[in-house]
Amino acid sequence: MIFKDKTRAEALDKMATTLKNGWNLTVHFKEKLINMYKLPSDDEESKFLDEWEIEKKFYNAQFSMFVDDFGISALIASAKNHDDSAPHEIWFINDDTIDNLCFVHEIEFNMSNKLIEVLISR
């Protein structure tokens, strides 16, 4: 892990919301913070973590609401095809986020912990 503040990075990775079905959902920017080997932006570590803490709460709530309203199948269908040459057609747009849009890059289901991990890119 690249973060000097490992405790905070790990706590951010664990932030999740509970879906109506009892599962938890968490959103990660490209990958879990504990797996990052470089910052995804030119920001300083503390600024990146400050911004991601705010953004993650928002993304967790938004994607949980999306799953509760439209179902897990809709979220799965929105995930980017792993063929990188194919254009990505499904974007999540919201004016309240820093970059205003993102797409679902990958979804991981942790069956043991009833946790859905949504990896997004902007």
PDB file of N, CA and C in Angstrom:
ATOM      1  N   MET A   1       0.844  -1.183   0.000  1.00  0.00           N
ATOM      2  CA  MET A   1       0.000   0.000   0.000  1.00  0.00           C
ATOM      3  C   MET A   1       0.884   1.239   0.000  1.00  0.00           C
ATOM      4  N   ILE A   2       0.449   2.233  -0.729  1.00  0.00           N
ATOM      5  CA  ILE A   2       1.249   3.454  -0.841  1.00  0.00           C
ATOM      6  C   ILE A   2       0.951   4.472   0.239  1.00  0.00           C
ATOM      7  N   PHE A   3      -0.166   4.312   0.918  1.00  0.00           N
ATOM      8  CA  PHE A   3      -0.602   5.346   1.847  1.00  0.00           C
ATOM      9  C   PHE A   3       0.159   5.299   3.166  1.00  0.00           C
ATOM     10  N   LYS A   4       0.609   6.458   3.601  1.00  0.00           N
ATOM     11  CA  LYS A   4       1.261   6.549   4.911  1.00  0.00           C
ATOM     12  C   LYS A   4       0.221   6.370   6.006  1.00  0.00           C
ATOM     13  N   ASP A   5      -0.993   6.907   5.777  1.00  0.00           N
ATOM     14  CA  ASP A   5      -2.090   6.776   6.732  1.00  0.00           C
ATOM     15  C   ASP A   5      -2.873   5.500   6.408  1.00  0.00           C
ATOM     16  N   LYS A   6      -2.264   4.367   6.710  1.00  0.00           N
ATOM     17  CA  LYS A   6      -2.847   3.063   6.385  1.00  0.00           C
ATOM     18  C   LYS A   6      -4.191   2.835   7.086  1.00  0.00           C
ATOM     19  N   THR A   7      -4.300   3.288   8.316  1.00  0.00           N
ATOM     20  CA  THR A   7      -5.536   3.100   9.078  1.00  0.00           C
ATOM     21  C   THR A   7      -6.708   3.787   8.377  1.00  0.00           C
ATOM     22  N   ARG A   8      -6.482   5.000   7.923  1.00  0.00           N
ATOM     23  CA  ARG A   8      -7.553   5.727   7.235  1.00  0.00           C
ATOM     24  C   ARG A   8      -7.890   5.086   5.894  1.00  0.00           C
ATOM     25  N   ALA A   9      -6.884   4.679   5.143  1.00  0.00           N
ATOM     26  CA  ALA A   9      -7.128   4.033   3.852  1.00  0.00           C
ATOM     27  C   ALA A   9      -7.927   2.744   4.042  1.00  0.00           C
ATOM     28  N   GLU A  10      -7.566   1.951   5.028  1.00  0.00           N
ATOM     29  CA  GLU A  10      -8.287   0.702   5.288  1.00  0.00           C
ATOM     30  C   GLU A  10      -9.711   0.989   5.745  1.00  0.00           C
ATOM     31  N   ALA A  11      -9.905   2.013   6.550  1.00  0.00           N
ATOM     32  CA  ALA A  11     -11.251   2.373   7.010  1.00  0.00           C
ATOM     33  C   ALA A  11     -12.126   2.822   5.834  1.00  0.00           C
ATOM     34  N   LEU A  12     -11.541   3.576   4.907  1.00  0.00           N
ATOM     35  CA  LEU A  12     -12.289   3.996   3.724  1.00  0.00           C
ATOM     36  C   LEU A  12     -12.669   2.796   2.861  1.00  0.00           C
ATOM     37  N   ASP A  13     -11.759   1.836   2.729  1.00  0.00           N
ATOM     38  CA  ASP A  13     -12.067   0.624   1.965  1.00  0.00           C
ATOM     39  C   ASP A  13     -13.261  -0.119   2.560  1.00  0.00           C
ATOM     40  N   LYS A  14     -13.396  -0.080   3.866  1.00  0.00           N
ATOM     41  CA  LYS A  14     -14.443  -0.846   4.553  1.00  0.00           C
ATOM     42  C   LYS A  14     -15.786  -0.120   4.610  1.00  0.00           C
ATOM     43  N   MET A  15     -15.827   1.178   4.309  1.00  0.00           N
ATOM     44  CA  MET A  15     -17.091   1.911   4.352  1.00  0.00           C
ATOM     45  C   MET A  15     -18.078   1.287   3.373  1.00  0.00           C
ATOM     46  N   ALA A  16     -19.265   0.949   3.869  1.00  0.00           N
ATOM     47  CA  ALA A  16     -20.273   0.319   3.021  1.00  0.00           C
ATOM     48  C   ALA A  16     -21.658   0.740   3.478  1.00  0.00           C
ATOM     49  N   THR A  17     -22.631   0.530   2.608  1.00  0.00           N
ATOM     50  CA  THR A  17     -24.032   0.749   2.956  1.00  0.00           C
ATOM     51  C   THR A  17     -24.764  -0.580   2.848  1.00  0.00           C
ATOM     52  N   THR A  18     -25.859  -0.693   3.577  1.00  0.00           N
ATOM     53  CA  THR A  18     -26.628  -1.936   3.579  1.00  0.00           C
ATOM     54  C   THR A  18     -27.797  -1.819   2.600  1.00  0.00           C
ATOM     55  N   LEU A  19     -27.919  -2.834   1.754  1.00  0.00           N
ATOM     56  CA  LEU A  19     -29.019  -2.889   0.798  1.00  0.00           C
ATOM     57  C   LEU A  19     -30.270  -3.433   1.471  1.00  0.00           C
ATOM     58  N   LYS A  20     -31.402  -3.291   0.813  1.00  0.00           N
ATOM     59  CA  LYS A  20     -32.664  -3.791   1.352  1.00  0.00           C
ATOM     60  C   LYS A  20     -32.642  -5.301   1.577  1.00  0.00           C
ATOM     61  N   ASN A  21     -31.827  -6.021   0.807  1.00  0.00           N
ATOM     62  CA  ASN A  21     -31.771  -7.476   0.933  1.00  0.00           C
ATOM     63  C   ASN A  21     -30.801  -7.945   2.029  1.00  0.00           C
ATOM     64  N   GLY A  22     -30.186  -7.003   2.747  1.00  0.00           N
ATOM     65  CA  GLY A  22     -29.282  -7.349   3.836  1.00  0.00           C
ATOM     66  C   GLY A  22     -27.810  -7.418   3.439  1.00  0.00           C
ATOM     67  N   TRP A  23     -27.518  -7.442   2.148  1.00  0.00           N
ATOM     68  CA  TRP A  23     -26.125  -7.411   1.696  1.00  0.00           C
ATOM     69  C   TRP A  23     -25.590  -5.994   1.874  1.00  0.00           C
ATOM     70  N   ASN A  24     -24.252  -5.870   1.914  1.00  0.00           N
ATOM     71  CA  ASN A  24     -23.599  -4.564   1.965  1.00  0.00           C
ATOM     72  C   ASN A  24     -23.002  -4.262   0.605  1.00  0.00           C
ATOM     73  N   LEU A  25     -22.900  -2.990   0.292  1.00  0.00           N
ATOM     74  CA  LEU A  25     -22.320  -2.551  -0.970  1.00  0.00           C
ATOM     75  C   LEU A  25     -21.301  -1.462  -0.664  1.00  0.00           C
ATOM     76  N   THR A  26     -20.153  -1.556  -1.333  1.00  0.00           N
ATOM     77  CA  THR A  26     -19.126  -0.526  -1.217  1.00  0.00           C
ATOM     78  C   THR A  26     -18.582  -0.221  -2.603  1.00  0.00           C
ATOM     79  N   VAL A  27     -18.170   1.016  -2.794  1.00  0.00           N
ATOM     80  CA  VAL A  27     -17.631   1.470  -4.072  1.00  0.00           C
ATOM     81  C   VAL A  27     -16.157   1.801  -3.888  1.00  0.00           C
ATOM     82  N   HIS A  28     -15.346   1.366  -4.845  1.00  0.00           N
ATOM     83  CA  HIS A  28     -13.913   1.682  -4.846  1.00  0.00           C
ATOM     84  C   HIS A  28     -13.590   2.419  -6.139  1.00  0.00           C
ATOM     85  N   PHE A  29     -12.653   3.355  -6.073  1.00  0.00           N
ATOM     86  CA  PHE A  29     -12.197   4.054  -7.268  1.00  0.00           C
ATOM     87  C   PHE A  29     -11.072   3.245  -7.913  1.00  0.00           C
ATOM     88  N   LYS A  30     -11.396   2.544  -8.969  1.00  0.00           N
ATOM     89  CA  LYS A  30     -10.508   1.664  -9.737  1.00  0.00           C
ATOM     90  C   LYS A  30     -10.116   0.401  -8.981  1.00  0.00           C
ATOM     91  N   GLU A  31      -9.730   0.514  -7.731  1.00  0.00           N
ATOM     92  CA  GLU A  31      -9.360  -0.638  -6.918  1.00  0.00           C
ATOM     93  C   GLU A  31      -9.386  -0.240  -5.448  1.00  0.00           C
ATOM     94  N   LYS A  32      -9.269  -1.225  -4.582  1.00  0.00           N
ATOM     95  CA  LYS A  32      -9.217  -0.922  -3.159  1.00  0.00           C
ATOM     96  C   LYS A  32      -7.980  -0.073  -2.877  1.00  0.00           C
ATOM     97  N   LEU A  33      -8.105   0.828  -1.938  1.00  0.00           N
ATOM     98  CA  LEU A  33      -6.966   1.683  -1.584  1.00  0.00           C
ATOM     99  C   LEU A  33      -5.781   0.846  -1.112  1.00  0.00           C
ATOM    100  N   ILE A  34      -6.057  -0.251  -0.388  1.00  0.00           N
ATOM    101  CA  ILE A  34      -4.952  -1.069   0.118  1.00  0.00           C
ATOM    102  C   ILE A  34      -4.176  -1.743  -1.007  1.00  0.00           C
ATOM    103  N   ASN A  35      -4.730  -1.786  -2.225  1.00  0.00           N
ATOM    104  CA  ASN A  35      -4.050  -2.403  -3.360  1.00  0.00           C
ATOM    105  C   ASN A  35      -3.357  -1.390  -4.268  1.00  0.00           C
ATOM    106  N   MET A  36      -3.538  -0.112  -4.011  1.00  0.00           N
ATOM    107  CA  MET A  36      -2.964   0.913  -4.891  1.00  0.00           C
ATOM    108  C   MET A  36      -1.459   1.027  -4.693  1.00  0.00           C
ATOM    109  N   TYR A  37      -0.772   1.204  -5.785  1.00  0.00           N
ATOM    110  CA  TYR A  37       0.671   1.414  -5.721  1.00  0.00           C
ATOM    111  C   TYR A  37       1.050   2.831  -6.134  1.00  0.00           C
ATOM    112  N   LYS A  38       0.068   3.602  -6.614  1.00  0.00           N
ATOM    113  CA  LYS A  38       0.283   5.031  -6.864  1.00  0.00           C
ATOM    114  C   LYS A  38      -1.061   5.736  -6.811  1.00  0.00           C
ATOM    115  N   LEU A  39      -1.029   6.999  -6.471  1.00  0.00           N
ATOM    116  CA  LEU A  39      -2.262   7.783  -6.402  1.00  0.00           C
ATOM    117  C   LEU A  39      -2.852   7.933  -7.799  1.00  0.00           C
ATOM    118  N   PRO A  40      -4.181   7.841  -7.918  1.00  0.00           N
ATOM    119  CA  PRO A  40      -4.794   7.972  -9.234  1.00  0.00           C
ATOM    120  C   PRO A  40      -4.855   9.407  -9.750  1.00  0.00           C
ATOM    121  N   SER A  41      -4.403  10.357  -8.954  1.00  0.00           N
ATOM    122  CA  SER A  41      -4.378  11.753  -9.388  1.00  0.00           C
ATOM    123  C   SER A  41      -3.081  12.386  -8.882  1.00  0.00           C
ATOM    124  N   ASP A  42      -2.859  13.621  -9.279  1.00  0.00           N
ATOM    125  CA  ASP A  42      -1.643  14.325  -8.871  1.00  0.00           C
ATOM    126  C   ASP A  42      -1.775  14.966  -7.499  1.00  0.00           C
ATOM    127  N   ASP A  43      -2.894  14.747  -6.830  1.00  0.00           N
ATOM    128  CA  ASP A  43      -3.126  15.334  -5.509  1.00  0.00           C
ATOM    129  C   ASP A  43      -2.192  14.730  -4.468  1.00  0.00           C
ATOM    130  N   GLU A  44      -2.040  15.448  -3.383  1.00  0.00           N
ATOM    131  CA  GLU A  44      -1.321  14.923  -2.225  1.00  0.00           C
ATOM    132  C   GLU A  44      -2.192  13.846  -1.587  1.00  0.00           C
ATOM    133  N   GLU A  45      -1.558  12.959  -0.849  1.00  0.00           N
ATOM    134  CA  GLU A  45      -2.280  11.852  -0.216  1.00  0.00           C
ATOM    135  C   GLU A  45      -3.458  12.332   0.627  1.00  0.00           C
ATOM    136  N   SER A  46      -3.223  13.289   1.506  1.00  0.00           N
ATOM    137  CA  SER A  46      -4.293  13.729   2.409  1.00  0.00           C
ATOM    138  C   SER A  46      -5.453  14.353   1.637  1.00  0.00           C
ATOM    139  N   LYS A  47      -5.150  15.128   0.592  1.00  0.00           N
ATOM    140  CA  LYS A  47      -6.211  15.734  -0.214  1.00  0.00           C
ATOM    141  C   LYS A  47      -7.003  14.655  -0.933  1.00  0.00           C
ATOM    142  N   PHE A  48      -6.317  13.674  -1.509  1.00  0.00           N
ATOM    143  CA  PHE A  48      -7.006  12.582  -2.190  1.00  0.00           C
ATOM    144  C   PHE A  48      -7.920  11.835  -1.221  1.00  0.00           C
ATOM    145  N   LEU A  49      -7.413  11.502  -0.022  1.00  0.00           N
ATOM    146  CA  LEU A  49      -8.224  10.765   0.957  1.00  0.00           C
ATOM    147  C   LEU A  49      -9.402  11.607   1.438  1.00  0.00           C
ATOM    148  N   ASP A  50      -9.192  12.915   1.644  1.00  0.00           N
ATOM    149  CA  ASP A  50     -10.285  13.796   2.045  1.00  0.00           C
ATOM    150  C   ASP A  50     -11.397  13.801   0.997  1.00  0.00           C
ATOM    151  N   GLU A  51     -11.002  13.972  -0.264  1.00  0.00           N
ATOM    152  CA  GLU A  51     -11.990  14.007  -1.344  1.00  0.00           C
ATOM    153  C   GLU A  51     -12.668  12.657  -1.509  1.00  0.00           C
ATOM    154  N   TRP A  52     -11.900  11.563  -1.432  1.00  0.00           N
ATOM    155  CA  TRP A  52     -12.491  10.250  -1.630  1.00  0.00           C
ATOM    156  C   TRP A  52     -13.433   9.894  -0.485  1.00  0.00           C
ATOM    157  N   GLU A  53     -13.141  10.348   0.729  1.00  0.00           N
ATOM    158  CA  GLU A  53     -14.035  10.072   1.854  1.00  0.00           C
ATOM    159  C   GLU A  53     -15.420  10.683   1.605  1.00  0.00           C
ATOM    160  N   ILE A  54     -15.447  11.887   1.086  1.00  0.00           N
ATOM    161  CA  ILE A  54     -16.713  12.544   0.758  1.00  0.00           C
ATOM    162  C   ILE A  54     -17.374  11.843  -0.427  1.00  0.00           C
ATOM    163  N   GLU A  55     -16.603  11.616  -1.475  1.00  0.00           N
ATOM    164  CA  GLU A  55     -17.130  10.986  -2.684  1.00  0.00           C
ATOM    165  C   GLU A  55     -17.630   9.566  -2.408  1.00  0.00           C
ATOM    166  N   LYS A  56     -16.887   8.807  -1.617  1.00  0.00           N
ATOM    167  CA  LYS A  56     -17.250   7.405  -1.376  1.00  0.00           C
ATOM    168  C   LYS A  56     -18.604   7.307  -0.679  1.00  0.00           C
ATOM    169  N   LYS A  57     -18.847   8.169   0.294  1.00  0.00           N
ATOM    170  CA  LYS A  57     -20.156   8.170   0.963  1.00  0.00           C
ATOM    171  C   LYS A  57     -21.258   8.402  -0.062  1.00  0.00           C
ATOM    172  N   PHE A  58     -21.023   9.333  -0.945  1.00  0.00           N
ATOM    173  CA  PHE A  58     -21.996   9.665  -1.969  1.00  0.00           C
ATOM    174  C   PHE A  58     -22.193   8.495  -2.933  1.00  0.00           C
ATOM    175  N   TYR A  59     -21.082   7.944  -3.456  1.00  0.00           N
ATOM    176  CA  TYR A  59     -21.178   6.824  -4.401  1.00  0.00           C
ATOM    177  C   TYR A  59     -21.817   5.596  -3.754  1.00  0.00           C
ATOM    178  N   ASN A  60     -21.452   5.296  -2.509  1.00  0.00           N
ATOM    179  CA  ASN A  60     -22.075   4.166  -1.815  1.00  0.00           C
ATOM    180  C   ASN A  60     -23.594   4.346  -1.767  1.00  0.00           C
ATOM    181  N   ALA A  61     -24.042   5.534  -1.388  1.00  0.00           N
ATOM    182  CA  ALA A  61     -25.477   5.797  -1.293  1.00  0.00           C
ATOM    183  C   ALA A  61     -26.148   5.715  -2.661  1.00  0.00           C
ATOM    184  N   GLN A  62     -25.520   6.304  -3.675  1.00  0.00           N
ATOM    185  CA  GLN A  62     -26.115   6.320  -5.006  1.00  0.00           C
ATOM    186  C   GLN A  62     -26.213   4.922  -5.612  1.00  0.00           C
ATOM    187  N   PHE A  63     -25.137   4.138  -5.511  1.00  0.00           N
ATOM    188  CA  PHE A  63     -25.179   2.795  -6.090  1.00  0.00           C
ATOM    189  C   PHE A  63     -26.079   1.861  -5.289  1.00  0.00           C
ATOM    190  N   SER A  64     -26.158   2.058  -3.978  1.00  0.00           N
ATOM    191  CA  SER A  64     -27.091   1.261  -3.173  1.00  0.00           C
ATOM    192  C   SER A  64     -28.529   1.567  -3.581  1.00  0.00           C
ATOM    193  N   MET A  65     -28.826   2.833  -3.777  1.00  0.00           N
ATOM    194  CA  MET A  65     -30.163   3.224  -4.208  1.00  0.00           C
ATOM    195  C   MET A  65     -30.466   2.639  -5.591  1.00  0.00           C
ATOM    196  N   PHE A  66     -29.482   2.661  -6.484  1.00  0.00           N
ATOM    197  CA  PHE A  66     -29.653   2.100  -7.823  1.00  0.00           C
ATOM    198  C   PHE A  66     -29.987   0.608  -7.748  1.00  0.00           C
ATOM    199  N   VAL A  67     -29.236  -0.140  -6.935  1.00  0.00           N
ATOM    200  CA  VAL A  67     -29.483  -1.580  -6.794  1.00  0.00           C
ATOM    201  C   VAL A  67     -30.840  -1.825  -6.147  1.00  0.00           C
ATOM    202  N   ASP A  68     -31.165  -1.081  -5.096  1.00  0.00           N
ATOM    203  CA  ASP A  68     -32.458  -1.249  -4.435  1.00  0.00           C
ATOM    204  C   ASP A  68     -33.616  -0.933  -5.385  1.00  0.00           C
ATOM    205  N   ASP A  69     -33.437   0.066  -6.255  1.00  0.00           N
ATOM    206  CA  ASP A  69     -34.511   0.469  -7.169  1.00  0.00           C
ATOM    207  C   ASP A  69     -34.609  -0.409  -8.417  1.00  0.00           C
ATOM    208  N   PHE A  70     -33.467  -0.793  -8.991  1.00  0.00           N
ATOM    209  CA  PHE A  70     -33.473  -1.489 -10.280  1.00  0.00           C
ATOM    210  C   PHE A  70     -32.999  -2.934 -10.211  1.00  0.00           C
ATOM    211  N   GLY A  71     -32.388  -3.341  -9.107  1.00  0.00           N
ATOM    212  CA  GLY A  71     -31.931  -4.713  -8.949  1.00  0.00           C
ATOM    213  C   GLY A  71     -30.469  -4.910  -9.292  1.00  0.00           C
ATOM    214  N   ILE A  72     -29.928  -5.995  -8.758  1.00  0.00           N
ATOM    215  CA  ILE A  72     -28.511  -6.302  -8.983  1.00  0.00           C
ATOM    216  C   ILE A  72     -28.238  -6.615 -10.455  1.00  0.00           C
ATOM    217  N   SER A  73     -29.227  -7.156 -11.150  1.00  0.00           N
ATOM    218  CA  SER A  73     -29.042  -7.460 -12.576  1.00  0.00           C
ATOM    219  C   SER A  73     -28.740  -6.200 -13.378  1.00  0.00           C
ATOM    220  N   ALA A  74     -29.384  -5.100 -13.028  1.00  0.00           N
ATOM    221  CA  ALA A  74     -29.129  -3.836 -13.724  1.00  0.00           C
ATOM    222  C   ALA A  74     -27.697  -3.359 -13.478  1.00  0.00           C
ATOM    223  N   LEU A  75     -27.206  -3.549 -12.252  1.00  0.00           N
ATOM    224  CA  LEU A  75     -25.828  -3.157 -11.951  1.00  0.00           C
ATOM    225  C   LEU A  75     -24.852  -4.037 -12.732  1.00  0.00           C
ATOM    226  N   ILE A  76     -25.103  -5.336 -12.744  1.00  0.00           N
ATOM    227  CA  ILE A  76     -24.238  -6.264 -13.487  1.00  0.00           C
ATOM    228  C   ILE A  76     -24.224  -5.903 -14.969  1.00  0.00           C
ATOM    229  N   ALA A  77     -25.391  -5.597 -15.513  1.00  0.00           N
ATOM    230  CA  ALA A  77     -25.479  -5.246 -16.937  1.00  0.00           C
ATOM    231  C   ALA A  77     -24.718  -3.960 -17.257  1.00  0.00           C
ATOM    232  N   SER A  78     -24.533  -3.101 -16.254  1.00  0.00           N
ATOM    233  CA  SER A  78     -23.836  -1.834 -16.493  1.00  0.00           C
ATOM    234  C   SER A  78     -22.320  -1.961 -16.471  1.00  0.00           C
ATOM    235  N   ALA A  79     -21.798  -3.096 -16.018  1.00  0.00           N
ATOM    236  CA  ALA A  79     -20.343  -3.263 -15.910  1.00  0.00           C
ATOM    237  C   ALA A  79     -19.703  -3.272 -17.294  1.00  0.00           C
ATOM    238  N   LYS A  80     -18.556  -2.651 -17.388  1.00  0.00           N
ATOM    239  CA  LYS A  80     -17.834  -2.554 -18.669  1.00  0.00           C
ATOM    240  C   LYS A  80     -17.413  -3.921 -19.156  1.00  0.00           C
ATOM    241  N   ASN A  81     -17.600  -4.135 -20.422  1.00  0.00           N
ATOM    242  CA  ASN A  81     -17.113  -5.342 -21.073  1.00  0.00           C
ATOM    243  C   ASN A  81     -15.585  -5.323 -20.991  1.00  0.00           C
ATOM    244  N   HIS A  82     -14.962  -6.437 -20.737  1.00  0.00           N
ATOM    245  CA  HIS A  82     -13.500  -6.471 -20.585  1.00  0.00           C
ATOM    246  C   HIS A  82     -12.754  -6.319 -21.905  1.00  0.00           C
ATOM    247  N   ASP A  83     -13.473  -6.204 -22.996  1.00  0.00           N
ATOM    248  CA  ASP A  83     -12.850  -5.923 -24.280  1.00  0.00           C
ATOM    249  C   ASP A  83     -12.584  -4.419 -24.335  1.00  0.00           C
ATOM    250  N   ASP A  84     -11.356  -4.022 -24.025  1.00  0.00           N
ATOM    251  CA  ASP A  84     -11.034  -2.597 -23.922  1.00  0.00           C
ATOM    252  C   ASP A  84     -11.179  -1.850 -25.239  1.00  0.00           C
ATOM    253  N   SER A  85     -11.217  -2.577 -26.354  1.00  0.00           N
ATOM    254  CA  SER A  85     -11.380  -1.890 -27.629  1.00  0.00           C
ATOM    255  C   SER A  85     -12.837  -1.477 -27.852  1.00  0.00           C
ATOM    256  N   ALA A  86     -13.753  -2.096 -27.121  1.00  0.00           N
ATOM    257  CA  ALA A  86     -15.166  -1.751 -27.261  1.00  0.00           C
ATOM    258  C   ALA A  86     -15.455  -0.462 -26.486  1.00  0.00           C
ATOM    259  N   PRO A  87     -16.228   0.434 -27.079  1.00  0.00           N
ATOM    260  CA  PRO A  87     -16.573   1.666 -26.340  1.00  0.00           C
ATOM    261  C   PRO A  87     -17.515   1.345 -25.183  1.00  0.00           C
ATOM    262  N   HIS A  88     -17.412   2.133 -24.140  1.00  0.00           N
ATOM    263  CA  HIS A  88     -18.310   1.930 -23.009  1.00  0.00           C
ATOM    264  C   HIS A  88     -19.506   2.839 -23.184  1.00  0.00           C
ATOM    265  N   GLU A  89     -20.679   2.251 -23.164  1.00  0.00           N
ATOM    266  CA  GLU A  89     -21.890   2.987 -23.470  1.00  0.00           C
ATOM    267  C   GLU A  89     -22.714   3.368 -22.243  1.00  0.00           C
ATOM    268  N   ILE A  90     -22.445   2.788 -21.071  1.00  0.00           N
ATOM    269  CA  ILE A  90     -23.276   3.031 -19.906  1.00  0.00           C
ATOM    270  C   ILE A  90     -22.511   3.876 -18.902  1.00  0.00           C
ATOM    271  N   TRP A  91     -22.960   5.096 -18.715  1.00  0.00           N
ATOM    272  CA  TRP A  91     -22.330   6.044 -17.815  1.00  0.00           C
ATOM    273  C   TRP A  91     -23.308   6.421 -16.715  1.00  0.00           C
ATOM    274  N   PHE A  92     -22.798   6.595 -15.507  1.00  0.00           N
ATOM    275  CA  PHE A  92     -23.584   7.103 -14.396  1.00  0.00           C
ATOM    276  C   PHE A  92     -23.218   8.574 -14.253  1.00  0.00           C
ATOM    277  N   ILE A  93     -24.188   9.444 -14.418  1.00  0.00           N
ATOM    278  CA  ILE A  93     -23.940  10.889 -14.419  1.00  0.00           C
ATOM    279  C   ILE A  93     -24.622  11.517 -13.212  1.00  0.00           C
ATOM    280  N   ASN A  94     -23.861  12.350 -12.510  1.00  0.00           N
ATOM    281  CA  ASN A  94     -24.432  13.082 -11.381  1.00  0.00           C
ATOM    282  C   ASN A  94     -23.624  14.352 -11.168  1.00  0.00           C
ATOM    283  N   ASP A  95     -24.297  15.467 -11.152  1.00  0.00           N
ATOM    284  CA  ASP A  95     -23.631  16.763 -11.019  1.00  0.00           C
ATOM    285  C   ASP A  95     -23.057  17.011  -9.632  1.00  0.00           C
ATOM    286  N   ASP A  96     -23.379  16.153  -8.660  1.00  0.00           N
ATOM    287  CA  ASP A  96     -22.907  16.357  -7.290  1.00  0.00           C
ATOM    288  C   ASP A  96     -21.535  15.734  -7.023  1.00  0.00           C
ATOM    289  N   THR A  97     -20.963  15.039  -7.996  1.00  0.00           N
ATOM    290  CA  THR A  97     -19.646  14.439  -7.809  1.00  0.00           C
ATOM    291  C   THR A  97     -18.581  15.302  -8.478  1.00  0.00           C
ATOM    292  N   ILE A  98     -17.337  15.062  -8.121  1.00  0.00           N
ATOM    293  CA  ILE A  98     -16.238  15.884  -8.639  1.00  0.00           C
ATOM    294  C   ILE A  98     -16.145  15.813 -10.160  1.00  0.00           C
ATOM    295  N   ASP A  99     -16.173  14.590 -10.713  1.00  0.00           N
ATOM    296  CA  ASP A  99     -16.023  14.442 -12.163  1.00  0.00           C
ATOM    297  C   ASP A  99     -17.347  14.335 -12.907  1.00  0.00           C
ATOM    298  N   ASN A 100     -18.457  14.300 -12.191  1.00  0.00           N
ATOM    299  CA  ASN A 100     -19.803  14.285 -12.753  1.00  0.00           C
ATOM    300  C   ASN A 100     -20.225  12.986 -13.428  1.00  0.00           C
ATOM    301  N   LEU A 101     -19.311  12.071 -13.683  1.00  0.00           N
ATOM    302  CA  LEU A 101     -19.716  10.814 -14.302  1.00  0.00           C
ATOM    303  C   LEU A 101     -18.728   9.707 -13.985  1.00  0.00           C
ATOM    304  N   CYS A 102     -19.204   8.479 -14.108  1.00  0.00           N
ATOM    305  CA  CYS A 102     -18.326   7.327 -13.920  1.00  0.00           C
ATOM    306  C   CYS A 102     -18.953   6.135 -14.630  1.00  0.00           C
ATOM    307  N   PHE A 103     -18.184   5.075 -14.759  1.00  0.00           N
ATOM    308  CA  PHE A 103     -18.744   3.824 -15.238  1.00  0.00           C
ATOM    309  C   PHE A 103     -18.262   2.709 -14.328  1.00  0.00           C
ATOM    310  N   VAL A 104     -19.013   1.623 -14.317  1.00  0.00           N
ATOM    311  CA  VAL A 104     -18.656   0.479 -13.492  1.00  0.00           C
ATOM    312  C   VAL A 104     -17.620  -0.338 -14.252  1.00  0.00           C
ATOM    313  N   HIS A 105     -16.462  -0.450 -13.654  1.00  0.00           N
ATOM    314  CA  HIS A 105     -15.349  -1.169 -14.276  1.00  0.00           C
ATOM    315  C   HIS A 105     -15.390  -2.663 -13.945  1.00  0.00           C
ATOM    316  N   GLU A 106     -15.794  -2.962 -12.717  1.00  0.00           N
ATOM    317  CA  GLU A 106     -15.772  -4.354 -12.264  1.00  0.00           C
ATOM    318  C   GLU A 106     -16.679  -4.478 -11.045  1.00  0.00           C
ATOM    319  N   ILE A 107     -17.227  -5.661 -10.832  1.00  0.00           N
ATOM    320  CA  ILE A 107     -18.044  -5.938  -9.650  1.00  0.00           C
ATOM    321  C   ILE A 107     -17.527  -7.227  -9.028  1.00  0.00           C
ATOM    322  N   GLU A 108     -17.304  -7.196  -7.719  1.00  0.00           N
ATOM    323  CA  GLU A 108     -16.864  -8.391  -6.997  1.00  0.00           C
ATOM    324  C   GLU A 108     -17.913  -8.736  -5.948  1.00  0.00           C
ATOM    325  N   PHE A 109     -18.258 -10.010  -5.854  1.00  0.00           N
ATOM    326  CA  PHE A 109     -19.212 -10.484  -4.862  1.00  0.00           C
ATOM    327  C   PHE A 109     -18.463 -11.317  -3.827  1.00  0.00           C
ATOM    328  N   ASN A 110     -18.426 -10.830  -2.590  1.00  0.00           N
ATOM    329  CA  ASN A 110     -17.804 -11.573  -1.504  1.00  0.00           C
ATOM    330  C   ASN A 110     -18.925 -12.328  -0.793  1.00  0.00           C
ATOM    331  N   MET A 111     -19.068 -13.603  -1.138  1.00  0.00           N
ATOM    332  CA  MET A 111     -20.170 -14.413  -0.633  1.00  0.00           C
ATOM    333  C   MET A 111     -20.066 -14.629   0.879  1.00  0.00           C
ATOM    334  N   SER A 112     -18.860 -14.766   1.395  1.00  0.00           N
ATOM    335  CA  SER A 112     -18.664 -15.016   2.826  1.00  0.00           C
ATOM    336  C   SER A 112     -19.148 -13.856   3.684  1.00  0.00           C
ATOM    337  N   ASN A 113     -18.925 -12.630   3.196  1.00  0.00           N
ATOM    338  CA  ASN A 113     -19.272 -11.441   3.972  1.00  0.00           C
ATOM    339  C   ASN A 113     -20.532 -10.733   3.467  1.00  0.00           C
ATOM    340  N   LYS A 114     -21.199 -11.321   2.475  1.00  0.00           N
ATOM    341  CA  LYS A 114     -22.373 -10.695   1.861  1.00  0.00           C
ATOM    342  C   LYS A 114     -22.064  -9.243   1.486  1.00  0.00           C
ATOM    343  N   LEU A 115     -20.971  -9.078   0.726  1.00  0.00           N
ATOM    344  CA  LEU A 115     -20.491  -7.756   0.344  1.00  0.00           C
ATOM    345  C   LEU A 115     -20.343  -7.675  -1.172  1.00  0.00           C
ATOM    346  N   ILE A 116     -20.918  -6.627  -1.750  1.00  0.00           N
ATOM    347  CA  ILE A 116     -20.775  -6.346  -3.177  1.00  0.00           C
ATOM    348  C   ILE A 116     -19.814  -5.174  -3.297  1.00  0.00           C
ATOM    349  N   GLU A 117     -18.714  -5.381  -4.021  1.00  0.00           N
ATOM    350  CA  GLU A 117     -17.720  -4.330  -4.210  1.00  0.00           C
ATOM    351  C   GLU A 117     -17.784  -3.855  -5.657  1.00  0.00           C
ATOM    352  N   VAL A 118     -18.088  -2.587  -5.836  1.00  0.00           N
ATOM    353  CA  VAL A 118     -18.239  -1.975  -7.155  1.00  0.00           C
ATOM    354  C   VAL A 118     -17.007  -1.133  -7.414  1.00  0.00           C
ATOM    355  N   LEU A 119     -16.273  -1.462  -8.471  1.00  0.00           N
ATOM    356  CA  LEU A 119     -15.082  -0.707  -8.837  1.00  0.00           C
ATOM    357  C   LEU A 119     -15.447   0.206  -9.988  1.00  0.00           C
ATOM    358  N   ILE A 120     -15.261   1.518  -9.768  1.00  0.00           N
ATOM    359  CA  ILE A 120     -15.632   2.495 -10.783  1.00  0.00           C
ATOM    360  C   ILE A 120     -14.408   3.173 -11.361  1.00  0.00           C
ATOM    361  N   SER A 121     -14.575   3.730 -12.542  1.00  0.00           N
ATOM    362  CA  SER A 121     -13.558   4.572 -13.164  1.00  0.00           C
ATOM    363  C   SER A 121     -14.255   5.831 -13.635  1.00  0.00           C
ATOM    364  N   ARG A 122     -13.463   6.875 -13.778  1.00  0.00           N
ATOM    365  CA  ARG A 122     -14.047   8.131 -14.264  1.00  0.00           C
ATOM    366  C   ARG A 122     -13.337   8.547 -15.521  1.00  0.00           C
TER     367      ARG A 122
END
